[in-house]
C-alpha cells in the first residue's frame, strides 16, 4: 500500500503500473426485504478519488458482464454465426481487428445518438438496429453526406443514430437470480452458495460499504471496534495522514463528552501497541504507511 485515500481506497503498484484498490461490501436488497451480497476487491487505473469516488465505481459492479454482450454482438450479430474465413494467423488478426473496428464505430454512433436524449441510458440502444441501419446506408447510399440546414436532426446523429433512437429498448430492470450453469449434465447447477432465488427477482436498492484496508503486518480490528477504526482511518487520511492530536481526532468524530474521549484515547493506545498507529508525540498519532507514491522510473 502506497497511500490511503480519504474515501477508504488506497494506491498500490504492480510492476510499473500504478493502481487504486477499493475493498467494499456490495449488498442488493429485494422487494421482500431479502439481502444478498459479498465482499469484493476492485483494481482500477482511475487513481483520482475526487473525480471517481470509490462508492461510485463499486456501484458499476453489476454491469461487469457487459463484455459478454460484446462477444454476442461480434459472433452472432456482425458475423451472423459465420466462422472466420482466414486460415492463417495474419489473416485472422486482420479479420478480428476489422470486426473490432466496426464494433467500436457502431458503439460510438449509438452512444452519440443516445446522448441527444437527456437522461437516456446507453443500455437502451439496441445493437441489432445499428448494423442493419449501417448496411442499409451503404447499400442505398443514403445519408452518406450530411444535409444542410440549421435544424436538421440527422446532422447530429446521422441515419444510423436516427434508426437507433426510433427503436430504443425499455429501461433495464435491476434484478438478480442464482448463479447456475445451464447444462442438464452439469453437477454445478445445484450451487447456490449465497441463497439467491432461482427465479429472476427485482432489486429495490443496492447498498455499498467501502472498507479501509487492514494495514500490513496487523490483524483486522474486532467486530466491536471495526467501525471506529474505519472512522479514524478516514480522519487521518483526510488530513493527508499528518500526525493528529487525540482531541482533534475526537472533534472530527463528533466526540464531546469526557467518557467518549477517554474511550477513544484507550483505543488509540491499543492500536499503537499493535502497530496499527504510530505515536509521533504525546497523544499524537498517524497511520504507518509505505513510501510515498512516486513516478515509475525509466523512459
C-alpha atoms as a PDB file:
ATOM      1  CA  UNK A   1       0.000   0.000   0.000  1.00  0.00           C
ATOM      2  CA  UNK A   2       1.474   3.333  -1.094  1.00  0.00           C
ATOM      3  CA  UNK A   3      -1.141   5.781   0.179  1.00  0.00           C
ATOM      4  CA  UNK A   4      -4.525   5.625   1.910  1.00  0.00           C
ATOM      5  CA  UNK A   5      -7.149   7.866   0.278  1.00  0.00           C
ATOM      6  CA  UNK A   6     -10.000   9.677   2.069  1.00  0.00           C
ATOM      7  CA  UNK A   7     -12.732   7.511   0.519  1.00  0.00           C
ATOM      8  CA  UNK A   8     -11.254   4.317   2.003  1.00  0.00           C
ATOM      9  CA  UNK A   9      -9.432   3.156  -1.137  1.00  0.00           C
ATOM     10  CA  UNK A  10      -5.647   3.019  -1.410  1.00  0.00           C
ATOM     11  CA  UNK A  11      -2.917   3.240  -4.022  1.00  0.00           C
ATOM     12  CA  UNK A  12      -0.594   0.407  -4.933  1.00  0.00           C
ATOM     13  CA  UNK A  13       1.695  -0.588  -7.766  1.00  0.00           C
ATOM     14  CA  UNK A  14       2.108  -3.768  -9.801  1.00  0.00           C
ATOM     15  CA  UNK A  15       5.333  -3.544 -11.756  1.00  0.00           C
ATOM     16  CA  UNK A  16       5.386  -0.047 -13.265  1.00  0.00           C
ATOM     17  CA  UNK A  17       1.598   0.259 -13.244  1.00  0.00           C
ATOM     18  CA  UNK A  18       0.024   2.483 -10.583  1.00  0.00           C
ATOM     19  CA  UNK A  19      -3.337   1.165  -9.423  1.00  0.00           C
ATOM     20  CA  UNK A  20      -6.060   2.037  -6.964  1.00  0.00           C
ATOM     21  CA  UNK A  21      -7.625  -0.691  -4.836  1.00  0.00           C
ATOM     22  CA  UNK A  22     -11.178  -0.499  -3.491  1.00  0.00           C
ATOM     23  CA  UNK A  23     -12.406  -3.049  -0.955  1.00  0.00           C
ATOM     24  CA  UNK A  24     -16.135  -2.937  -0.316  1.00  0.00           C
ATOM     25  CA  UNK A  25     -19.193  -4.969   0.538  1.00  0.00           C
ATOM     26  CA  UNK A  26     -21.994  -4.817  -2.025  1.00  0.00           C
ATOM     27  CA  UNK A  27     -25.461  -5.847  -0.857  1.00  0.00           C
ATOM     28  CA  UNK A  28     -28.583  -5.995  -3.010  1.00  0.00           C
ATOM     29  CA  UNK A  29     -31.976  -5.790  -1.304  1.00  0.00           C
ATOM     30  CA  UNK A  30     -35.079  -7.219  -2.965  1.00  0.00           C
ATOM     31  CA  UNK A  31     -38.667  -6.076  -2.562  1.00  0.00           C
ATOM     32  CA  UNK A  32     -39.395  -8.738   0.081  1.00  0.00           C
ATOM     33  CA  UNK A  33     -36.563  -7.462   2.300  1.00  0.00           C
ATOM     34  CA  UNK A  34     -34.052 -10.223   1.489  1.00  0.00           C
ATOM     35  CA  UNK A  35     -30.421  -9.169   1.103  1.00  0.00           C
ATOM     36  CA  UNK A  36     -27.723 -10.817  -0.984  1.00  0.00           C
ATOM     37  CA  UNK A  37     -24.144  -9.678  -1.244  1.00  0.00           C
ATOM     38  CA  UNK A  38     -20.485 -10.322  -0.737  1.00  0.00           C
ATOM     39  CA  UNK A  39     -17.150  -8.550  -0.271  1.00  0.00           C
ATOM     40  CA  UNK A  40     -15.309  -7.517  -3.429  1.00  0.00           C
ATOM     41  CA  UNK A  41     -11.931  -6.022  -4.297  1.00  0.00           C
ATOM     42  CA  UNK A  42     -11.725  -3.738  -7.332  1.00  0.00           C
ATOM     43  CA  UNK A  43      -8.446  -2.734  -9.011  1.00  0.00           C
ATOM     44  CA  UNK A  44      -8.600   0.251 -11.333  1.00  0.00           C
ATOM     45  CA  UNK A  45      -6.281   2.680 -13.100  1.00  0.00           C
ATOM     46  CA  UNK A  46      -8.656   5.529 -12.118  1.00  0.00           C
ATOM     47  CA  UNK A  47      -6.487   6.725  -9.256  1.00  0.00           C
ATOM     48  CA  UNK A  48      -8.146  10.099  -8.505  1.00  0.00           C
ATOM     49  CA  UNK A  49     -10.683   9.653  -5.691  1.00  0.00           C
ATOM     50  CA  UNK A  50     -12.060  13.155  -6.285  1.00  0.00           C
ATOM     51  CA  UNK A  51     -13.256  12.528  -9.837  1.00  0.00           C
ATOM     52  CA  UNK A  52     -14.031   8.818  -9.317  1.00  0.00           C
ATOM     53  CA  UNK A  53     -15.193   8.116  -5.735  1.00  0.00           C
ATOM     54  CA  UNK A  54     -14.879   4.544  -4.545  1.00  0.00           C
ATOM     55  CA  UNK A  55     -18.596   4.063  -3.937  1.00  0.00           C
ATOM     56  CA  UNK A  56     -19.438   5.255  -7.459  1.00  0.00           C
ATOM     57  CA  UNK A  57     -17.020   2.810  -9.073  1.00  0.00           C
ATOM     58  CA  UNK A  58     -18.297  -0.077  -6.968  1.00  0.00           C
ATOM     59  CA  UNK A  59     -21.877   0.796  -7.930  1.00  0.00           C
ATOM     60  CA  UNK A  60     -20.943  -0.095 -11.518  1.00  0.00           C
ATOM     61  CA  UNK A  61     -20.080  -3.642 -10.443  1.00  0.00           C
ATOM     62  CA  UNK A  62     -23.444  -5.043 -11.512  1.00  0.00           C
ATOM     63  CA  UNK A  63     -22.546  -4.144 -15.119  1.00  0.00           C
ATOM     64  CA  UNK A  64     -19.378  -6.274 -15.037  1.00  0.00           C
ATOM     65  CA  UNK A  65     -20.773  -8.821 -17.505  1.00  0.00           C
ATOM     66  CA  UNK A  66     -21.347  -6.253 -20.272  1.00  0.00           C
ATOM     67  CA  UNK A  67     -18.340  -7.782 -22.061  1.00  0.00           C
ATOM     68  CA  UNK A  68     -20.450 -10.864 -22.757  1.00  0.00           C
ATOM     69  CA  UNK A  69     -22.862  -8.633 -24.677  1.00  0.00           C
ATOM     70  CA  UNK A  70     -19.933  -7.546 -26.836  1.00  0.00           C
ATOM     71  CA  UNK A  71     -18.984 -11.170 -27.519  1.00  0.00           C
ATOM     72  CA  UNK A  72     -22.583 -11.905 -28.514  1.00  0.00           C
ATOM     73  CA  UNK A  73     -22.691  -8.904 -30.848  1.00  0.00           C
ATOM     74  CA  UNK A  74     -19.421  -9.855 -32.536  1.00  0.00           C
ATOM     75  CA  UNK A  75     -20.255 -13.504 -33.058  1.00  0.00           C
ATOM     76  CA  UNK A  76     -23.988 -13.619 -33.681  1.00  0.00           C
ATOM     77  CA  UNK A  77     -24.887 -10.133 -34.952  1.00  0.00           C
ATOM     78  CA  UNK A  78     -21.912  -8.975 -37.007  1.00  0.00           C
ATOM     79  CA  UNK A  79     -20.732 -12.411 -38.152  1.00  0.00           C
ATOM     80  CA  UNK A  80     -24.272 -13.848 -38.250  1.00  0.00           C
ATOM     81  CA  UNK A  81     -22.912 -17.095 -36.743  1.00  0.00           C
ATOM     82  CA  UNK A  82     -20.393 -17.497 -39.567  1.00  0.00           C
ATOM     83  CA  UNK A  83     -16.849 -18.651 -38.872  1.00  0.00           C
ATOM     84  CA  UNK A  84     -13.841 -16.503 -39.662  1.00  0.00           C
ATOM     85  CA  UNK A  85     -12.727 -17.168 -43.244  1.00  0.00           C
ATOM     86  CA  UNK A  86      -8.958 -16.800 -42.899  1.00  0.00           C
ATOM     87  CA  UNK A  87      -6.854 -19.916 -42.425  1.00  0.00           C
ATOM     88  CA  UNK A  88      -3.659 -18.271 -41.193  1.00  0.00           C
ATOM     89  CA  UNK A  89      -2.648 -16.172 -38.178  1.00  0.00           C
ATOM     90  CA  UNK A  90      -2.084 -12.995 -40.236  1.00  0.00           C
ATOM     91  CA  UNK A  91      -5.469 -13.168 -41.906  1.00  0.00           C
ATOM     92  CA  UNK A  92      -7.226 -13.997 -38.645  1.00  0.00           C
ATOM     93  CA  UNK A  93      -5.669 -10.969 -36.970  1.00  0.00           C
ATOM     94  CA  UNK A  94      -6.849  -8.753 -39.808  1.00  0.00           C
ATOM     95  CA  UNK A  95     -10.389 -10.114 -39.578  1.00  0.00           C
ATOM     96  CA  UNK A  96     -10.549  -9.725 -35.811  1.00  0.00           C
ATOM     97  CA  UNK A  97      -9.243  -6.168 -35.941  1.00  0.00           C
ATOM     98  CA  UNK A  98     -11.707  -5.365 -38.691  1.00  0.00           C
ATOM     99  CA  UNK A  99     -14.605  -6.678 -36.594  1.00  0.00           C
ATOM    100  CA  UNK A 100     -13.416  -4.782 -33.517  1.00  0.00           C
ATOM    101  CA  UNK A 101     -13.065  -1.577 -35.541  1.00  0.00           C
ATOM    102  CA  UNK A 102     -16.580  -1.901 -36.920  1.00  0.00           C
ATOM    103  CA  UNK A 103     -17.950  -2.755 -33.474  1.00  0.00           C
ATOM    104  CA  UNK A 104     -16.271   0.280 -31.898  1.00  0.00           C
ATOM    105  CA  UNK A 105     -17.546   2.580 -34.654  1.00  0.00           C
ATOM    106  CA  UNK A 106     -21.130   1.357 -34.240  1.00  0.00           C
ATOM    107  CA  UNK A 107     -20.979   1.651 -30.452  1.00  0.00           C
ATOM    108  CA  UNK A 108     -19.644   5.209 -30.759  1.00  0.00           C
ATOM    109  CA  UNK A 109     -22.553   6.146 -33.022  1.00  0.00           C
ATOM    110  CA  UNK A 110     -25.012   4.551 -30.579  1.00  0.00           C
ATOM    111  CA  UNK A 111     -23.660   6.483 -27.608  1.00  0.00           C
ATOM    112  CA  UNK A 112     -23.617   9.748 -29.562  1.00  0.00           C
ATOM    113  CA  UNK A 113     -27.243   9.239 -30.574  1.00  0.00           C
ATOM    114  CA  UNK A 114     -28.434   8.343 -27.072  1.00  0.00           C
ATOM    115  CA  UNK A 115     -26.661  11.354 -25.553  1.00  0.00           C
ATOM    116  CA  UNK A 116     -29.021  13.601 -27.518  1.00  0.00           C
ATOM    117  CA  UNK A 117     -31.876  12.287 -25.330  1.00  0.00           C
ATOM    118  CA  UNK A 118     -31.478  13.763 -21.805  1.00  0.00           C
ATOM    119  CA  UNK A 119     -31.450  11.100 -19.095  1.00  0.00           C
ATOM    120  CA  UNK A 120     -31.441   8.187 -21.546  1.00  0.00           C
ATOM    121  CA  UNK A 121     -29.226   5.254 -20.521  1.00  0.00           C
ATOM    122  CA  UNK A 122     -26.934   3.971 -23.330  1.00  0.00           C
ATOM    123  CA  UNK A 123     -28.064   0.443 -22.403  1.00  0.00           C
ATOM    124  CA  UNK A 124     -31.384   1.207 -24.082  1.00  0.00           C
ATOM    125  CA  UNK A 125     -29.745   1.393 -27.509  1.00  0.00           C
ATOM    126  CA  UNK A 126     -30.249  -1.931 -29.283  1.00  0.00           C
ATOM    127  CA  UNK A 127     -27.148  -3.140 -31.107  1.00  0.00           C
ATOM    128  CA  UNK A 128     -29.049  -5.108 -33.767  1.00  0.00           C
ATOM    129  CA  UNK A 129     -30.550  -1.925 -35.219  1.00  0.00           C
ATOM    130  CA  UNK A 130     -27.113  -0.316 -35.629  1.00  0.00           C
ATOM    131  CA  UNK A 131     -25.519  -2.736 -38.182  1.00  0.00           C
ATOM    132  CA  UNK A 132     -28.834  -3.065 -40.035  1.00  0.00           C
ATOM    133  CA  UNK A 133     -29.066   0.715 -40.446  1.00  0.00           C
ATOM    134  CA  UNK A 134     -25.376   0.936 -41.402  1.00  0.00           C
ATOM    135  CA  UNK A 135     -25.833  -1.829 -44.009  1.00  0.00           C
ATOM    136  CA  UNK A 136     -28.888  -0.104 -45.500  1.00  0.00           C
ATOM    137  CA  UNK A 137     -26.983   3.176 -45.644  1.00  0.00           C
ATOM    138  CA  UNK A 138     -24.101   1.603 -47.560  1.00  0.00           C
ATOM    139  CA  UNK A 139     -26.354  -0.327 -49.961  1.00  0.00           C
ATOM    140  CA  UNK A 140     -28.737   2.527 -50.755  1.00  0.00           C
ATOM    141  CA  UNK A 141     -26.111   5.297 -50.483  1.00  0.00           C
ATOM    142  CA  UNK A 142     -28.489   7.364 -48.344  1.00  0.00           C
ATOM    143  CA  UNK A 143     -27.237   9.539 -45.550  1.00  0.00           C
ATOM    144  CA  UNK A 144     -23.617   9.256 -46.616  1.00  0.00           C
ATOM    145  CA  UNK A 145     -23.340  13.052 -46.859  1.00  0.00           C
ATOM    146  CA  UNK A 146     -24.838  15.382 -44.227  1.00  0.00           C
ATOM    147  CA  UNK A 147     -27.675  17.551 -45.456  1.00  0.00           C
ATOM    148  CA  UNK A 148     -27.539  21.248 -44.733  1.00  0.00           C
ATOM    149  CA  UNK A 149     -29.901  23.128 -42.501  1.00  0.00           C
ATOM    150  CA  UNK A 150     -29.738  24.666 -39.033  1.00  0.00           C
ATOM    151  CA  UNK A 151     -32.396  22.360 -37.574  1.00  0.00           C
ATOM    152  CA  UNK A 152     -31.579  19.168 -39.426  1.00  0.00           C
ATOM    153  CA  UNK A 153     -31.779  16.343 -36.895  1.00  0.00           C
ATOM    154  CA  UNK A 154     -29.756  13.884 -38.969  1.00  0.00           C
ATOM    155  CA  UNK A 155     -26.757  16.245 -38.968  1.00  0.00           C
ATOM    156  CA  UNK A 156     -26.143  15.351 -35.315  1.00  0.00           C
ATOM    157  CA  UNK A 157     -26.854  11.625 -35.093  1.00  0.00           C
ATOM    158  CA  UNK A 158     -26.898  10.535 -38.739  1.00  0.00           C
ATOM    159  CA  UNK A 159     -29.006   7.845 -40.385  1.00  0.00           C
ATOM    160  CA  UNK A 160     -27.779   5.089 -38.055  1.00  0.00           C
ATOM    161  CA  UNK A 161     -28.364   7.152 -34.920  1.00  0.00           C
ATOM    162  CA  UNK A 162     -31.850   8.132 -36.076  1.00  0.00           C
ATOM    163  CA  UNK A 163     -32.787   4.470 -36.547  1.00  0.00           C
ATOM    164  CA  UNK A 164     -31.430   3.627 -33.084  1.00  0.00           C
ATOM    165  CA  UNK A 165     -33.471   6.355 -31.399  1.00  0.00           C
ATOM    166  CA  UNK A 166     -36.612   5.013 -33.071  1.00  0.00           C
ATOM    167  CA  UNK A 167     -36.037   1.535 -31.650  1.00  0.00           C
ATOM    168  CA  UNK A 168     -34.926   2.251 -28.071  1.00  0.00           C
ATOM    169  CA  UNK A 169     -35.287  -0.674 -25.684  1.00  0.00           C
ATOM    170  CA  UNK A 170     -37.201  -0.450 -22.375  1.00  0.00           C
ATOM    171  CA  UNK A 171     -35.264   0.719 -19.334  1.00  0.00           C
ATOM    172  CA  UNK A 172     -33.145  -2.121 -17.971  1.00  0.00           C
ATOM    173  CA  UNK A 173     -34.508  -3.722 -14.835  1.00  0.00           C
ATOM    174  CA  UNK A 174     -32.313  -4.227 -11.775  1.00  0.00           C
ATOM    175  CA  UNK A 175     -32.657  -7.892 -10.863  1.00  0.00           C
ATOM    176  CA  UNK A 176     -30.758 -10.911  -9.582  1.00  0.00           C
ATOM    177  CA  UNK A 177     -31.016 -14.690  -9.609  1.00  0.00           C
ATOM    178  CA  UNK A 178     -28.960 -17.665  -8.592  1.00  0.00           C
ATOM    179  CA  UNK A 179     -25.731 -18.308 -10.471  1.00  0.00           C
ATOM    180  CA  UNK A 180     -26.008 -21.657 -12.216  1.00  0.00           C
ATOM    181  CA  UNK A 181     -24.594 -23.378 -15.266  1.00  0.00           C
ATOM    182  CA  UNK A 182     -27.433 -24.034 -17.709  1.00  0.00           C
ATOM    183  CA  UNK A 183     -26.477 -27.583 -18.561  1.00  0.00           C
ATOM    184  CA  UNK A 184     -28.533 -30.668 -17.887  1.00  0.00           C
ATOM    185  CA  UNK A 185     -25.463 -32.820 -17.250  1.00  0.00           C
ATOM    186  CA  UNK A 186     -23.552 -30.304 -15.133  1.00  0.00           C
ATOM    187  CA  UNK A 187     -23.138 -31.032 -11.446  1.00  0.00           C
ATOM    188  CA  UNK A 188     -22.736 -27.309 -10.740  1.00  0.00           C
ATOM    189  CA  UNK A 189     -26.369 -26.372 -11.348  1.00  0.00           C
ATOM    190  CA  UNK A 190     -27.103 -27.063  -7.685  1.00  0.00           C
ATOM    191  CA  UNK A 191     -24.589 -24.478  -6.465  1.00  0.00           C
ATOM    192  CA  UNK A 192     -26.292 -21.589  -4.716  1.00  0.00           C
ATOM    193  CA  UNK A 193     -23.918 -20.504  -2.008  1.00  0.00           C
ATOM    194  CA  UNK A 194     -25.411 -17.094  -1.285  1.00  0.00           C
ATOM    195  CA  UNK A 195     -29.028 -18.283  -1.249  1.00  0.00           C
ATOM    196  CA  UNK A 196     -30.172 -16.283  -4.249  1.00  0.00           C
ATOM    197  CA  UNK A 197     -33.644 -17.051  -5.637  1.00  0.00           C
ATOM    198  CA  UNK A 198     -33.734 -19.342  -8.671  1.00  0.00           C
ATOM    199  CA  UNK A 199     -36.140 -17.025 -10.498  1.00  0.00           C
ATOM    200  CA  UNK A 200     -35.241 -13.518 -11.594  1.00  0.00           C
ATOM    201  CA  UNK A 201     -36.098 -11.158  -8.725  1.00  0.00           C
ATOM    202  CA  UNK A 202     -36.213  -7.330  -8.916  1.00  0.00           C
ATOM    203  CA  UNK A 203     -33.726  -5.360  -6.828  1.00  0.00           C
ATOM    204  CA  UNK A 204     -35.089  -2.435  -4.820  1.00  0.00           C
ATOM    205  CA  UNK A 205     -31.816  -0.961  -3.502  1.00  0.00           C
ATOM    206  CA  UNK A 206     -28.075  -1.579  -3.615  1.00  0.00           C
ATOM    207  CA  UNK A 207     -26.019  -0.745  -0.516  1.00  0.00           C
ATOM    208  CA  UNK A 208     -22.265  -0.273  -0.819  1.00  0.00           C
ATOM    209  CA  UNK A 209     -19.899  -0.075   2.164  1.00  0.00           C
ATOM    210  CA  UNK A 210     -16.259   0.745   1.410  1.00  0.00           C
ATOM    211  CA  UNK A 211     -13.849  -0.724   3.972  1.00  0.00           C
ATOM    212  CA  UNK A 212     -10.400   0.803   4.510  1.00  0.00           C
ATOM    213  CA  UNK A 213      -7.720  -1.892   4.316  1.00  0.00           C
ATOM    214  CA  UNK A 214      -6.110  -3.642   7.234  1.00  0.00           C
ATOM    215  CA  UNK A 215      -2.540  -2.375   7.405  1.00  0.00           C
ATOM    216  CA  UNK A 216       0.279  -4.794   6.556  1.00  0.00           C
ATOM    217  CA  UNK A 217       1.528  -6.883   9.434  1.00  0.00           C
ATOM    218  CA  UNK A 218      -1.567  -6.374  11.553  1.00  0.00           C
ATOM    219  CA  UNK A 219      -4.761  -8.249  12.193  1.00  0.00           C
ATOM    220  CA  UNK A 220      -8.143  -6.920  11.250  1.00  0.00           C
ATOM    221  CA  UNK A 221      -9.904  -4.992  14.033  1.00  0.00           C
ATOM    222  CA  UNK A 222     -12.511  -6.826  16.053  1.00  0.00           C
ATOM    223  CA  UNK A 223     -16.126  -6.509  15.080  1.00  0.00           C
ATOM    224  CA  UNK A 224     -16.910  -4.208  18.009  1.00  0.00           C
ATOM    225  CA  UNK A 225     -14.221  -1.685  17.048  1.00  0.00           C
ATOM    226  CA  UNK A 226     -14.151  -2.008  13.254  1.00  0.00           C
ATOM    227  CA  UNK A 227     -16.446   0.966  12.696  1.00  0.00           C
ATOM    228  CA  UNK A 228     -14.369   3.243  14.962  1.00  0.00           C
ATOM    229  CA  UNK A 229     -11.168   2.051  13.272  1.00  0.00           C
ATOM    230  CA  UNK A 230     -12.614   2.926   9.842  1.00  0.00           C
ATOM    231  CA  UNK A 231     -13.625   6.356  11.112  1.00  0.00           C
ATOM    232  CA  UNK A 232     -10.140   7.056  12.478  1.00  0.00           C
ATOM    233  CA  UNK A 233      -8.572   5.909   9.195  1.00  0.00           C
ATOM    234  CA  UNK A 234     -10.794   8.280   7.244  1.00  0.00           C
ATOM    235  CA  UNK A 235      -9.979  11.208   9.536  1.00  0.00           C
ATOM    236  CA  UNK A 236      -6.221  10.648   9.292  1.00  0.00           C
ATOM    237  CA  UNK A 237      -6.407  10.082   5.528  1.00  0.00           C
ATOM    238  CA  UNK A 238      -8.439  13.276   5.051  1.00  0.00           C
ATOM    239  CA  UNK A 239      -5.656  15.112   6.891  1.00  0.00           C
ATOM    240  CA  UNK A 240      -3.097  13.755   4.371  1.00  0.00           C
ATOM    241  CA  UNK A 241      -2.003  11.362   7.142  1.00  0.00           C
ATOM    242  CA  UNK A 242      -0.316  14.160   9.049  1.00  0.00           C
ATOM    243  CA  UNK A 243       0.034  13.493  12.798  1.00  0.00           C
ATOM    244  CA  UNK A 244      -3.101  14.494  14.702  1.00  0.00           C
ATOM    245  CA  UNK A 245      -3.737  15.031  18.398  1.00  0.00           C
ATOM    246  CA  UNK A 246      -6.357  12.934  20.147  1.00  0.00           C
ATOM    247  CA  UNK A 247      -8.561  15.966  20.795  1.00  0.00           C
ATOM    248  CA  UNK A 248      -8.511  16.846  17.078  1.00  0.00           C
ATOM    249  CA  UNK A 249      -9.463  13.299  16.121  1.00  0.00           C
ATOM    250  CA  UNK A 250     -12.241  13.328  18.710  1.00  0.00           C
ATOM    251  CA  UNK A 251     -13.524  16.643  17.373  1.00  0.00           C
ATOM    252  CA  UNK A 252     -13.607  15.276  13.823  1.00  0.00           C
ATOM    253  CA  UNK A 253     -15.550  12.258  15.082  1.00  0.00           C
ATOM    254  CA  UNK A 254     -18.025  14.423  16.982  1.00  0.00           C
ATOM    255  CA  UNK A 255     -16.963  13.126  20.409  1.00  0.00           C
ATOM    256  CA  UNK A 256     -17.507  15.786  23.066  1.00  0.00           C
ATOM    257  CA  UNK A 257     -18.098  14.014  26.368  1.00  0.00           C
ATOM    258  CA  UNK A 258     -15.248  13.009  28.659  1.00  0.00           C
ATOM    259  CA  UNK A 259     -16.125   9.262  28.685  1.00  0.00           C
ATOM    260  CA  UNK A 260     -16.219   9.072  24.886  1.00  0.00           C
ATOM    261  CA  UNK A 261     -12.865  10.881  24.558  1.00  0.00           C
ATOM    262  CA  UNK A 262     -11.372   8.595  27.218  1.00  0.00           C
ATOM    263  CA  UNK A 263     -12.618   5.551  25.301  1.00  0.00           C
ATOM    264  CA  UNK A 264     -11.067   6.896  22.081  1.00  0.00           C
ATOM    265  CA  UNK A 265      -7.755   7.507  23.871  1.00  0.00           C
ATOM    266  CA  UNK A 266      -7.720   3.901  25.083  1.00  0.00           C
ATOM    267  CA  UNK A 267      -8.422   2.631  21.574  1.00  0.00           C
ATOM    268  CA  UNK A 268      -5.645   4.750  20.066  1.00  0.00           C
ATOM    269  CA  UNK A 269      -3.195   3.416  22.642  1.00  0.00           C
ATOM    270  CA  UNK A 270      -4.298  -0.157  21.920  1.00  0.00           C
ATOM    271  CA  UNK A 271      -3.859   0.277  18.163  1.00  0.00           C
ATOM    272  CA  UNK A 272      -0.421   1.815  18.749  1.00  0.00           C
ATOM    273  CA  UNK A 273       0.697  -1.186  20.794  1.00  0.00           C
ATOM    274  CA  UNK A 274      -0.463  -3.452  17.953  1.00  0.00           C
ATOM    275  CA  UNK A 275       1.489  -1.430  15.347  1.00  0.00           C
ATOM    276  CA  UNK A 276      -1.657  -0.046  13.755  1.00  0.00           C
ATOM    277  CA  UNK A 277      -0.747   3.541  14.574  1.00  0.00           C
ATOM    278  CA  UNK A 278       2.470   5.453  15.196  1.00  0.00           C
ATOM    279  CA  UNK A 279       2.716   7.808  18.178  1.00  0.00           C
ATOM    280  CA  UNK A 280       4.769  10.774  16.971  1.00  0.00           C
ATOM    281  CA  UNK A 281       4.293  12.827  20.147  1.00  0.00           C
ATOM    282  CA  UNK A 282       2.231  12.581  23.339  1.00  0.00           C
ATOM    283  CA  UNK A 283      -1.384  11.860  22.298  1.00  0.00           C
ATOM    284  CA  UNK A 284      -0.470  12.438  18.620  1.00  0.00           C
ATOM    285  CA  UNK A 285      -0.866   9.668  16.036  1.00  0.00           C
ATOM    286  CA  UNK A 286      -0.564   8.822  12.353  1.00  0.00           C
ATOM    287  CA  UNK A 287      -1.040   5.706  10.204  1.00  0.00           C
ATOM    288  CA  UNK A 288       2.123   3.744   9.301  1.00  0.00           C
ATOM    289  CA  UNK A 289       2.251   3.806   5.506  1.00  0.00           C
ATOM    290  CA  UNK A 290       4.813   2.708   2.971  1.00  0.00           C
ATOM    291  CA  UNK A 291       6.940   5.107   0.975  1.00  0.00           C
ATOM    292  CA  UNK A 292       5.082   7.881  -0.902  1.00  0.00           C
ATOM    293  CA  UNK A 293       3.843   7.223  -4.383  1.00  0.00           C
ATOM    294  CA  UNK A 294       6.466   8.226  -6.948  1.00  0.00           C
ATOM    295  CA  UNK A 295       6.511   8.200 -10.712  1.00  0.00           C
ATOM    296  CA  UNK A 296       7.806   4.967 -12.272  1.00  0.00           C
ATOM    297  CA  UNK A 297      11.472   5.051 -13.231  1.00  0.00           C
ATOM    298  CA  UNK A 298      12.647   4.685 -16.786  1.00  0.00           C
ATOM    299  CA  UNK A 299      11.623   6.322 -20.041  1.00  0.00           C
END
